[in-house]
PDB file of N, CA and C in Angstrom:
ATOM      1  N   MET A   1      13.547  -3.083  -9.145  1.00  0.00           N
ATOM      2  CA  MET A   1      12.370  -3.028  -9.024  1.00  0.00           C
ATOM      3  C   MET A   1      11.730  -4.127  -9.800  1.00  0.00           C
ATOM      4  N   MET A   2      10.837  -4.439  -9.564  1.00  0.00           N
ATOM      5  CA  MET A   2       9.834  -5.702 -10.300  1.00  0.00           C
ATOM      6  C   MET A   2       9.016  -5.104 -11.078  1.00  0.00           C
ATOM      7  N   ASN A   3       8.962  -6.342 -12.445  1.00  0.00           N
ATOM      8  CA  ASN A   3       8.617  -6.185 -13.794  1.00  0.00           C
ATOM      9  C   ASN A   3       7.165  -6.023 -13.397  1.00  0.00           C
ATOM     10  N   ALA A   4       6.496  -6.050 -14.727  1.00  0.00           N
ATOM     11  CA  ALA A   4       4.981  -5.772 -14.929  1.00  0.00           C
ATOM     12  C   ALA A   4       4.527  -7.200 -14.464  1.00  0.00           C
ATOM     13  N   SER A   5       5.059  -8.151 -14.754  1.00  0.00           N
ATOM     14  CA  SER A   5       4.273  -9.564 -14.256  1.00  0.00           C
ATOM     15  C   SER A   5       4.808  -9.768 -12.558  1.00  0.00           C
ATOM     16  N   GLU A   6       5.670  -9.650 -12.160  1.00  0.00           N
ATOM     17  CA  GLU A   6       6.144  -9.398 -10.763  1.00  0.00           C
ATOM     18  C   GLU A   6       4.948  -8.899  -9.773  1.00  0.00           C
ATOM     19  N   LEU A   7       5.084  -7.055  -9.875  1.00  0.00           N
ATOM     20  CA  LEU A   7       4.042  -6.530  -9.821  1.00  0.00           C
ATOM     21  C   LEU A   7       2.208  -7.082  -9.564  1.00  0.00           C
ATOM     22  N   ASP A   8       2.016  -7.406 -11.158  1.00  0.00           N
ATOM     23  CA  ASP A   8       0.809  -8.289 -11.118  1.00  0.00           C
ATOM     24  C   ASP A   8       0.518  -9.316 -10.152  1.00  0.00           C
ATOM     25  N   ALA A   9       1.382 -10.021  -9.630  1.00  0.00           N
ATOM     26  CA  ALA A   9       1.221 -11.424  -8.943  1.00  0.00           C
ATOM     27  C   ALA A   9       1.264 -10.673  -7.746  1.00  0.00           C
ATOM     28  N   VAL A  10       2.210  -9.554  -7.300  1.00  0.00           N
ATOM     29  CA  VAL A  10       1.973  -9.241  -5.818  1.00  0.00           C
ATOM     30  C   VAL A  10       0.788  -8.418  -5.589  1.00  0.00           C
ATOM     31  N   TYR A  11       0.357  -7.641  -6.300  1.00  0.00           N
ATOM     32  CA  TYR A  11      -1.048  -6.957  -6.293  1.00  0.00           C
ATOM     33  C   TYR A  11      -2.353  -7.835  -6.533  1.00  0.00           C
ATOM     34  N   THR A  12      -2.269  -8.889  -6.962  1.00  0.00           N
ATOM     35  CA  THR A  12      -3.336 -10.130  -6.769  1.00  0.00           C
ATOM     36  C   THR A  12      -3.091 -10.731  -5.718  1.00  0.00           C
ATOM     37  N   ALA A  13      -2.183 -11.064  -5.293  1.00  0.00           N
ATOM     38  CA  ALA A  13      -2.201 -11.543  -3.947  1.00  0.00           C
ATOM     39  C   ALA A  13      -2.418 -10.719  -2.477  1.00  0.00           C
ATOM     40  N   LEU A  14      -2.195  -9.447  -2.828  1.00  0.00           N
ATOM     41  CA  LEU A  14      -2.854  -8.748  -1.746  1.00  0.00           C
ATOM     42  C   LEU A  14      -4.340  -8.519  -1.787  1.00  0.00           C
ATOM     43  N   CYS A  15      -4.726  -8.331  -3.083  1.00  0.00           N
ATOM     44  CA  CYS A  15      -6.534  -8.251  -3.176  1.00  0.00           C
ATOM     45  C   CYS A  15      -7.189  -9.431  -2.539  1.00  0.00           C
ATOM     46  N   LYS A  16      -6.435 -10.883  -3.151  1.00  0.00           N
ATOM     47  CA  LYS A  16      -6.919 -12.023  -2.383  1.00  0.00           C
ATOM     48  C   LYS A  16      -7.019 -11.947  -1.318  1.00  0.00           C
ATOM     49  N   THR A  17      -5.938 -11.347  -0.644  1.00  0.00           N
ATOM     50  CA  THR A  17      -5.933 -11.751   0.621  1.00  0.00           C
ATOM     51  C   THR A  17      -6.880 -10.644   1.853  1.00  0.00           C
ATOM     52  N   MET A  18      -7.187  -9.210   0.904  1.00  0.00           N
ATOM     53  CA  MET A  18      -8.065  -8.634   1.380  1.00  0.00           C
ATOM     54  C   MET A  18      -9.664  -9.483   1.510  1.00  0.00           C
ATOM     55  N   THR A  19      -9.935  -9.982   0.419  1.00  0.00           N
ATOM     56  CA  THR A  19     -10.785 -10.273  -0.027  1.00  0.00           C
ATOM     57  C   THR A  19     -11.026 -11.780   1.286  1.00  0.00           C
ATOM     58  N   ARG A  20     -10.255 -12.200   1.313  1.00  0.00           N
ATOM     59  CA  ARG A  20     -10.184 -13.262   2.219  1.00  0.00           C
ATOM     60  C   ARG A  20     -10.592 -12.729   3.594  1.00  0.00           C
ATOM     61  N   ILE A  21      -9.707 -11.994   4.137  1.00  0.00           N
ATOM     62  CA  ILE A  21      -9.777 -11.266   5.231  1.00  0.00           C
ATOM     63  C   ILE A  21     -11.164 -10.687   5.482  1.00  0.00           C
ATOM     64  N   GLY A  22     -11.596  -9.950   4.765  1.00  0.00           N
ATOM     65  CA  GLY A  22     -12.900  -9.232   4.596  1.00  0.00           C
ATOM     66  C   GLY A  22     -12.938  -7.837   4.884  1.00  0.00           C
ATOM     67  N   GLU A  23     -13.685  -6.961   4.521  1.00  0.00           N
ATOM     68  CA  GLU A  23     -13.689  -5.780   4.309  1.00  0.00           C
ATOM     69  C   GLU A  23     -13.906  -5.201   6.298  1.00  0.00           C
ATOM     70  N   PRO A  24     -14.394  -5.875   6.903  1.00  0.00           N
ATOM     71  CA  PRO A  24     -14.124  -5.204   8.290  1.00  0.00           C
ATOM     72  C   PRO A  24     -13.047  -5.169   8.897  1.00  0.00           C
ATOM     73  N   ASP A  25     -11.824  -6.093   8.640  1.00  0.00           N
ATOM     74  CA  ASP A  25     -10.714  -6.092   8.565  1.00  0.00           C
ATOM     75  C   ASP A  25      -9.485  -5.474   7.999  1.00  0.00           C
ATOM     76  N   ALA A  26      -9.743  -4.994   6.768  1.00  0.00           N
ATOM     77  CA  ALA A  26      -9.296  -4.498   5.565  1.00  0.00           C
ATOM     78  C   ALA A  26      -8.593  -3.393   5.940  1.00  0.00           C
ATOM     79  N   THR A  27      -9.038  -2.334   6.509  1.00  0.00           N
ATOM     80  CA  THR A  27      -8.107  -0.963   7.150  1.00  0.00           C
ATOM     81  C   THR A  27      -7.273  -1.465   8.387  1.00  0.00           C
ATOM     82  N   LEU A  28      -7.253  -2.382   9.029  1.00  0.00           N
ATOM     83  CA  LEU A  28      -6.130  -3.035   9.881  1.00  0.00           C
ATOM     84  C   LEU A  28      -5.304  -3.642   9.333  1.00  0.00           C
ATOM     85  N   PHE A  29      -5.601  -4.625   8.446  1.00  0.00           N
ATOM     86  CA  PHE A  29      -4.668  -5.046   7.284  1.00  0.00           C
ATOM     87  C   PHE A  29      -3.590  -4.242   6.670  1.00  0.00           C
ATOM     88  N   LEU A  30      -4.497  -3.161   6.024  1.00  0.00           N
ATOM     89  CA  LEU A  30      -3.740  -2.008   5.260  1.00  0.00           C
ATOM     90  C   LEU A  30      -2.600  -1.822   6.046  1.00  0.00           C
ATOM     91  N   ALA A  31      -3.444  -1.194   7.237  1.00  0.00           N
ATOM     92  CA  ALA A  31      -2.299  -0.788   8.106  1.00  0.00           C
ATOM     93  C   ALA A  31      -1.220  -1.681   8.458  1.00  0.00           C
ATOM     94  N   ARG A  32      -1.354  -2.354   8.836  1.00  0.00           N
ATOM     95  CA  ARG A  32       0.078  -3.519   9.305  1.00  0.00           C
ATOM     96  C   ARG A  32       0.664  -4.063   8.158  1.00  0.00           C
ATOM     97  N   PHE A  33       0.339  -3.837   6.746  1.00  0.00           N
ATOM     98  CA  PHE A  33       0.642  -4.179   5.743  1.00  0.00           C
ATOM     99  C   PHE A  33       1.985  -2.780   5.457  1.00  0.00           C
ATOM    100  N   ALA A  34       0.944  -1.480   5.995  1.00  0.00           N
ATOM    101  CA  ALA A  34       1.918  -0.447   5.533  1.00  0.00           C
ATOM    102  C   ALA A  34       3.224  -0.327   6.324  1.00  0.00           C
ATOM    103  N   LEU A  35       3.389  -0.825   7.569  1.00  0.00           N
ATOM    104  CA  LEU A  35       4.199  -0.515   8.548  1.00  0.00           C
ATOM    105  C   LEU A  35       5.019  -1.535   8.055  1.00  0.00           C
ATOM    106  N   LEU A  36       4.823  -2.734   7.910  1.00  0.00           N
ATOM    107  CA  LEU A  36       5.828  -3.729   7.627  1.00  0.00           C
ATOM    108  C   LEU A  36       6.593  -3.563   6.241  1.00  0.00           C
ATOM    109  N   ALA A  37       5.983  -2.848   5.247  1.00  0.00           N
ATOM    110  CA  ALA A  37       6.445  -2.397   3.950  1.00  0.00           C
ATOM    111  C   ALA A  37       7.463  -1.201   4.099  1.00  0.00           C
ATOM    112  N   ILE A  38       7.053  -0.501   4.914  1.00  0.00           N
ATOM    113  CA  ILE A  38       7.966   0.742   5.320  1.00  0.00           C
ATOM    114  C   ILE A  38       9.119   0.344   5.956  1.00  0.00           C
ATOM    115  N   ASP A  39       9.064  -0.543   7.267  1.00  0.00           N
ATOM    116  CA  ASP A  39       9.756  -1.047   7.929  1.00  0.00           C
ATOM    117  C   ASP A  39      11.130  -1.591   6.723  1.00  0.00           C
ATOM    118  N   ALA A  40      10.548  -2.339   5.804  1.00  0.00           N
ATOM    119  CA  ALA A  40      11.466  -3.177   5.182  1.00  0.00           C
ATOM    120  C   ALA A  40      11.932  -2.184   3.825  1.00  0.00           C
ATOM    121  N   LEU A  41      11.650  -1.049   3.521  1.00  0.00           N
ATOM    122  CA  LEU A  41      11.620   0.015   2.665  1.00  0.00           C
ATOM    123  C   LEU A  41      13.454   0.476   3.162  1.00  0.00           C
ATOM    124  N   ASP A  42      13.212   0.775   4.655  1.00  0.00           N
ATOM    125  CA  ASP A  42      14.217   1.071   5.717  1.00  0.00           C
ATOM    126  C   ASP A  42      15.053   2.607   4.922  1.00  0.00           C
ATOM    127  N   ASP A  43      14.053   3.337   4.353  1.00  0.00           N
ATOM    128  CA  ASP A  43      14.367   4.926   3.725  1.00  0.00           C
ATOM    129  C   ASP A  43      13.224   5.685   3.969  1.00  0.00           C
ATOM    130  N   ALA A  44      13.298   6.302   5.275  1.00  0.00           N
ATOM    131  CA  ALA A  44      12.384   7.841   5.848  1.00  0.00           C
ATOM    132  C   ALA A  44      11.479   8.444   4.627  1.00  0.00           C
ATOM    133  N   HIS A  45      12.732   8.640   4.130  1.00  0.00           N
ATOM    134  CA  HIS A  45      12.314   9.963   2.999  1.00  0.00           C
ATOM    135  C   HIS A  45      11.546   9.419   1.887  1.00  0.00           C
ATOM    136  N   LYS A  46      12.050   8.067   1.158  1.00  0.00           N
ATOM    137  CA  LYS A  46      11.754   7.291   0.152  1.00  0.00           C
ATOM    138  C   LYS A  46       9.965   7.158   0.723  1.00  0.00           C
ATOM    139  N   ALA A  47      10.014   6.723   1.846  1.00  0.00           N
ATOM    140  CA  ALA A  47       8.663   6.324   2.547  1.00  0.00           C
ATOM    141  C   ALA A  47       7.693   7.848   2.603  1.00  0.00           C
ATOM    142  N   MET A  48       8.190   8.674   2.851  1.00  0.00           N
ATOM    143  CA  MET A  48       7.262  10.008   2.688  1.00  0.00           C
ATOM    144  C   MET A  48       7.162  10.374   1.507  1.00  0.00           C
ATOM    145  N   SER A  49       7.712  10.077   0.512  1.00  0.00           N
ATOM    146  CA  SER A  49       7.325  10.450  -0.941  1.00  0.00           C
ATOM    147  C   SER A  49       6.391   9.726  -1.702  1.00  0.00           C
ATOM    148  N   LEU A  50       6.414   7.678  -0.959  1.00  0.00           N
ATOM    149  CA  LEU A  50       5.353   7.194  -1.342  1.00  0.00           C
ATOM    150  C   LEU A  50       4.132   7.687  -0.442  1.00  0.00           C
ATOM    151  N   ILE A  51       4.131   7.771   0.332  1.00  0.00           N
ATOM    152  CA  ILE A  51       2.843   8.452   1.186  1.00  0.00           C
ATOM    153  C   ILE A  51       2.479   9.697   0.190  1.00  0.00           C
ATOM    154  N   ASP A  52       3.096  10.725  -0.128  1.00  0.00           N
ATOM    155  CA  ASP A  52       2.873  11.718  -1.200  1.00  0.00           C
ATOM    156  C   ASP A  52       2.141  11.552  -2.246  1.00  0.00           C
ATOM    157  N   ALA A  53       2.879  10.117  -2.769  1.00  0.00           N
ATOM    158  CA  ALA A  53       2.229   9.893  -4.243  1.00  0.00           C
ATOM    159  C   ALA A  53       0.994   9.333  -3.879  1.00  0.00           C
ATOM    160  N   ALA A  54       0.603   8.148  -3.131  1.00  0.00           N
ATOM    161  CA  ALA A  54      -0.273   7.856  -2.960  1.00  0.00           C
ATOM    162  C   ALA A  54      -1.689   8.573  -2.893  1.00  0.00           C
ATOM    163  N   CYS A  55      -1.358   9.564  -2.328  1.00  0.00           N
ATOM    164  CA  CYS A  55      -2.343  10.797  -1.705  1.00  0.00           C
ATOM    165  C   CYS A  55      -2.692  12.222  -3.050  1.00  0.00           C
ATOM    166  N   ASP A  56      -1.429  11.858  -4.149  1.00  0.00           N
ATOM    167  CA  ASP A  56      -1.968  12.372  -5.034  1.00  0.00           C
ATOM    168  C   ASP A  56      -3.112  12.926  -5.452  1.00  0.00           C
ATOM    169  N   GLU A  57      -3.535  11.386  -6.069  1.00  0.00           N
ATOM    170  CA  GLU A  57      -4.738  11.297  -6.996  1.00  0.00           C
ATOM    171  C   GLU A  57      -6.300  11.471  -6.247  1.00  0.00           C
ATOM    172  N   MET A  58      -6.122  11.567  -4.827  1.00  0.00           N
ATOM    173  CA  MET A  58      -7.231  11.574  -4.308  1.00  0.00           C
ATOM    174  C   MET A  58      -7.794  12.764  -4.103  1.00  0.00           C
ATOM    175  N   PRO A  59      -9.034  12.816  -4.145  1.00  0.00           N
ATOM    176  CA  PRO A  59      -9.979  14.345  -3.951  1.00  0.00           C
ATOM    177  C   PRO A  59      -9.268  14.532  -2.156  1.00  0.00           C
ATOM    178  N   VAL A  60      -9.934  13.850  -1.492  1.00  0.00           N
ATOM    179  CA  VAL A  60      -9.699  14.147   0.015  1.00  0.00           C
ATOM    180  C   VAL A  60      -8.211  14.911   0.444  1.00  0.00           C
ATOM    181  N   CYS A  61      -7.509  14.416  -0.363  1.00  0.00           N
ATOM    182  CA  CYS A  61      -6.084  14.778  -0.030  1.00  0.00           C
ATOM    183  C   CYS A  61      -5.408  16.272  -0.777  1.00  0.00           C
ATOM    184  N   ALA A  62      -6.317  16.669  -1.906  1.00  0.00           N
ATOM    185  CA  ALA A  62      -6.034  17.571  -2.371  1.00  0.00           C
ATOM    186  C   ALA A  62      -7.261  18.981  -1.323  1.00  0.00           C
ATOM    187  N   GLN A  63      -8.342  18.364  -0.875  1.00  0.00           N
ATOM    188  CA  GLN A  63      -8.161  19.790   0.079  1.00  0.00           C
ATOM    189  C   GLN A  63      -7.730  19.651   1.248  1.00  0.00           C
ATOM    190  N   ALA A  64      -6.804  19.114   1.779  1.00  0.00           N
ATOM    191  CA  ALA A  64      -5.950  19.213   2.973  1.00  0.00           C
ATOM    192  C   ALA A  64      -4.969  20.389   2.946  1.00  0.00           C
TER     193      ALA A  64
END
C-alpha cells in the first residue's frame, strides 16, 4: 500500500496530466487509465469493490 506522500505524488501527477490533456479528452483519458489500472490490479472482485466504493458518495449512484 502506498504511503500518504506516494499517494499525493501519484494523484498530483494524474491531475497535472488531465490538465495538460484538457477537459475535452479527460473522460477518454480516465477511461483508459481505469482499464490499465484494472488490468494491473488483476483481481476482478477487488476491482468491482473499488467501482462500488468510488460511486458510494455520488448522488447519481444513490438514485440507481
